[in-house]
Amino acid sequence: MPFFNTDEPTISVRITGSISYGPTTNGIPSHALQTGEIYDVPQSEAEWLLAAELAELV
């Protein structure tokens, strides 16, 4: 996934909630993960996304 700059192992998840993040200059997050799309995210990110019920494993 190009949004994450890390060498950490990744896990594929399907986003089930609305998520946006990143630095802002005008209050609008620089990135948004689209509901229903599958992303390879770092393992540590996947853990909290799954715990918060914002994603599911694929």
N, C-alpha and C. Protein backbone atom coordinates (compact mmCIF):
# COMPACT_ATOMS: atom_id res chain seq x y z
N MET A 1 0.85 -1.17 0.00
CA MET A 1 0.00 0.00 0.00
C MET A 1 0.89 1.23 0.00
N PRO A 2 0.71 2.11 -0.91
CA PRO A 2 1.62 3.25 -1.02
C PRO A 2 1.47 4.28 0.09
N PHE A 3 0.39 4.19 0.90
CA PHE A 3 0.18 5.18 1.95
C PHE A 3 1.11 4.99 3.14
N PHE A 4 1.61 3.78 3.33
CA PHE A 4 2.43 3.48 4.49
C PHE A 4 3.88 3.32 4.08
N ASN A 5 4.76 4.02 4.77
CA ASN A 5 6.18 3.98 4.48
C ASN A 5 6.87 3.17 5.58
N THR A 6 6.89 1.84 5.41
CA THR A 6 7.46 0.97 6.43
C THR A 6 7.90 -0.34 5.81
N ASP A 7 8.82 -1.01 6.49
CA ASP A 7 9.25 -2.34 6.07
C ASP A 7 8.54 -3.43 6.86
N GLU A 8 7.58 -3.03 7.69
CA GLU A 8 6.84 -3.98 8.51
C GLU A 8 6.04 -4.93 7.61
N PRO A 9 5.93 -6.22 8.01
CA PRO A 9 5.09 -7.15 7.24
C PRO A 9 3.67 -6.63 7.12
N THR A 10 3.02 -6.93 5.99
CA THR A 10 1.67 -6.42 5.76
C THR A 10 0.63 -7.53 5.83
N ILE A 11 -0.61 -7.12 6.03
CA ILE A 11 -1.77 -8.00 6.07
C ILE A 11 -2.83 -7.39 5.18
N SER A 12 -3.52 -8.23 4.39
CA SER A 12 -4.60 -7.74 3.53
C SER A 12 -5.88 -7.64 4.33
N VAL A 13 -6.50 -6.46 4.27
CA VAL A 13 -7.77 -6.24 4.96
C VAL A 13 -8.74 -5.54 4.00
N ARG A 14 -10.03 -5.78 4.23
CA ARG A 14 -11.08 -5.06 3.52
C ARG A 14 -11.63 -4.01 4.48
N ILE A 15 -11.65 -2.79 4.05
CA ILE A 15 -12.12 -1.70 4.89
C ILE A 15 -13.64 -1.77 5.00
N THR A 16 -14.15 -1.73 6.23
CA THR A 16 -15.59 -1.81 6.47
C THR A 16 -16.14 -0.52 7.08
N GLY A 17 -15.26 0.42 7.39
CA GLY A 17 -15.68 1.69 7.97
C GLY A 17 -15.03 2.83 7.23
N SER A 18 -15.34 4.02 7.61
CA SER A 18 -14.79 5.22 6.98
C SER A 18 -13.49 5.61 7.69
N ILE A 19 -12.41 5.70 6.92
CA ILE A 19 -11.11 6.01 7.51
C ILE A 19 -10.38 7.02 6.64
N SER A 20 -9.92 8.08 7.26
CA SER A 20 -9.05 9.03 6.58
C SER A 20 -7.97 9.45 7.57
N TYR A 21 -6.81 9.80 7.05
CA TYR A 21 -5.68 10.10 7.92
C TYR A 21 -4.64 10.91 7.16
N GLY A 22 -3.62 11.29 7.86
CA GLY A 22 -2.48 11.97 7.24
C GLY A 22 -2.43 13.44 7.57
N PRO A 23 -1.32 14.04 7.25
CA PRO A 23 -1.17 15.47 7.54
C PRO A 23 -2.16 16.31 6.74
N THR A 24 -2.59 17.39 7.34
CA THR A 24 -3.52 18.27 6.68
C THR A 24 -2.99 19.69 6.66
N THR A 25 -3.38 20.43 5.65
CA THR A 25 -3.05 21.84 5.62
C THR A 25 -4.31 22.69 5.71
N ASN A 26 -5.45 22.06 5.41
CA ASN A 26 -6.71 22.80 5.41
C ASN A 26 -7.82 22.04 6.13
N GLY A 27 -7.43 21.10 7.00
CA GLY A 27 -8.41 20.32 7.75
C GLY A 27 -8.90 19.08 7.04
N ILE A 28 -8.47 18.87 5.81
CA ILE A 28 -8.86 17.67 5.06
C ILE A 28 -7.70 16.68 5.08
N PRO A 29 -7.93 15.44 5.58
CA PRO A 29 -6.85 14.46 5.63
C PRO A 29 -6.28 14.19 4.24
N SER A 30 -5.00 13.86 4.21
CA SER A 30 -4.34 13.67 2.92
C SER A 30 -4.64 12.32 2.27
N HIS A 31 -5.15 11.36 3.04
CA HIS A 31 -5.46 10.04 2.50
C HIS A 31 -6.81 9.55 3.03
N ALA A 32 -7.50 8.77 2.23
CA ALA A 32 -8.74 8.12 2.67
C ALA A 32 -8.71 6.69 2.18
N LEU A 33 -9.10 5.77 3.05
CA LEU A 33 -9.23 4.36 2.67
C LEU A 33 -10.71 4.14 2.35
N GLN A 34 -10.98 3.63 1.18
CA GLN A 34 -12.35 3.50 0.69
C GLN A 34 -13.03 2.25 1.24
N THR A 35 -14.23 2.41 1.74
CA THR A 35 -15.03 1.30 2.25
C THR A 35 -15.22 0.26 1.15
N GLY A 36 -14.98 -1.01 1.50
CA GLY A 36 -15.14 -2.12 0.56
C GLY A 36 -13.88 -2.46 -0.21
N GLU A 37 -12.90 -1.57 -0.21
CA GLU A 37 -11.65 -1.82 -0.92
C GLU A 37 -10.71 -2.66 -0.06
N ILE A 38 -9.82 -3.40 -0.72
CA ILE A 38 -8.83 -4.23 -0.04
C ILE A 38 -7.48 -3.53 -0.10
N TYR A 39 -6.82 -3.47 1.06
CA TYR A 39 -5.51 -2.83 1.16
C TYR A 39 -4.55 -3.74 1.90
N ASP A 40 -3.29 -3.68 1.53
CA ASP A 40 -2.22 -4.32 2.29
C ASP A 40 -1.71 -3.28 3.26
N VAL A 41 -1.93 -3.52 4.55
CA VAL A 41 -1.54 -2.56 5.57
C VAL A 41 -0.51 -3.21 6.50
N PRO A 42 0.35 -2.40 7.11
CA PRO A 42 1.31 -2.95 8.08
C PRO A 42 0.56 -3.70 9.20
N GLN A 43 1.20 -4.72 9.72
CA GLN A 43 0.57 -5.56 10.73
C GLN A 43 0.05 -4.75 11.92
N SER A 44 0.82 -3.78 12.41
CA SER A 44 0.39 -3.00 13.57
C SER A 44 -0.86 -2.17 13.24
N GLU A 45 -0.95 -1.67 12.01
CA GLU A 45 -2.14 -0.91 11.59
C GLU A 45 -3.34 -1.85 11.48
N ALA A 46 -3.12 -3.04 10.93
CA ALA A 46 -4.21 -4.01 10.77
C ALA A 46 -4.80 -4.38 12.13
N GLU A 47 -3.95 -4.51 13.14
CA GLU A 47 -4.43 -4.92 14.46
C GLU A 47 -5.46 -3.92 15.01
N TRP A 48 -5.16 -2.63 14.94
CA TRP A 48 -6.12 -1.68 15.50
C TRP A 48 -7.33 -1.50 14.58
N LEU A 49 -7.15 -1.62 13.26
CA LEU A 49 -8.29 -1.54 12.35
C LEU A 49 -9.29 -2.67 12.63
N LEU A 50 -8.76 -3.88 12.85
CA LEU A 50 -9.61 -5.03 13.15
C LEU A 50 -10.27 -4.87 14.52
N ALA A 51 -9.50 -4.43 15.52
CA ALA A 51 -10.03 -4.26 16.88
C ALA A 51 -11.13 -3.20 16.91
N ALA A 52 -10.98 -2.18 16.08
CA ALA A 52 -11.98 -1.10 16.04
C ALA A 52 -13.15 -1.43 15.11
N GLU A 53 -13.12 -2.63 14.52
CA GLU A 53 -14.13 -3.08 13.58
C GLU A 53 -14.27 -2.15 12.38
N LEU A 54 -13.13 -1.62 11.93
CA LEU A 54 -13.08 -0.80 10.74
C LEU A 54 -12.60 -1.57 9.52
N ALA A 55 -12.21 -2.85 9.76
CA ALA A 55 -11.72 -3.69 8.66
C ALA A 55 -11.95 -5.15 9.02
N GLU A 56 -11.86 -5.99 7.97
CA GLU A 56 -11.95 -7.44 8.17
C GLU A 56 -10.84 -8.09 7.36
N LEU A 57 -10.37 -9.25 7.84
CA LEU A 57 -9.34 -9.97 7.11
C LEU A 57 -9.92 -10.53 5.81
N VAL A 58 -9.09 -10.61 4.79
CA VAL A 58 -9.51 -11.21 3.52
C VAL A 58 -8.66 -12.42 3.22
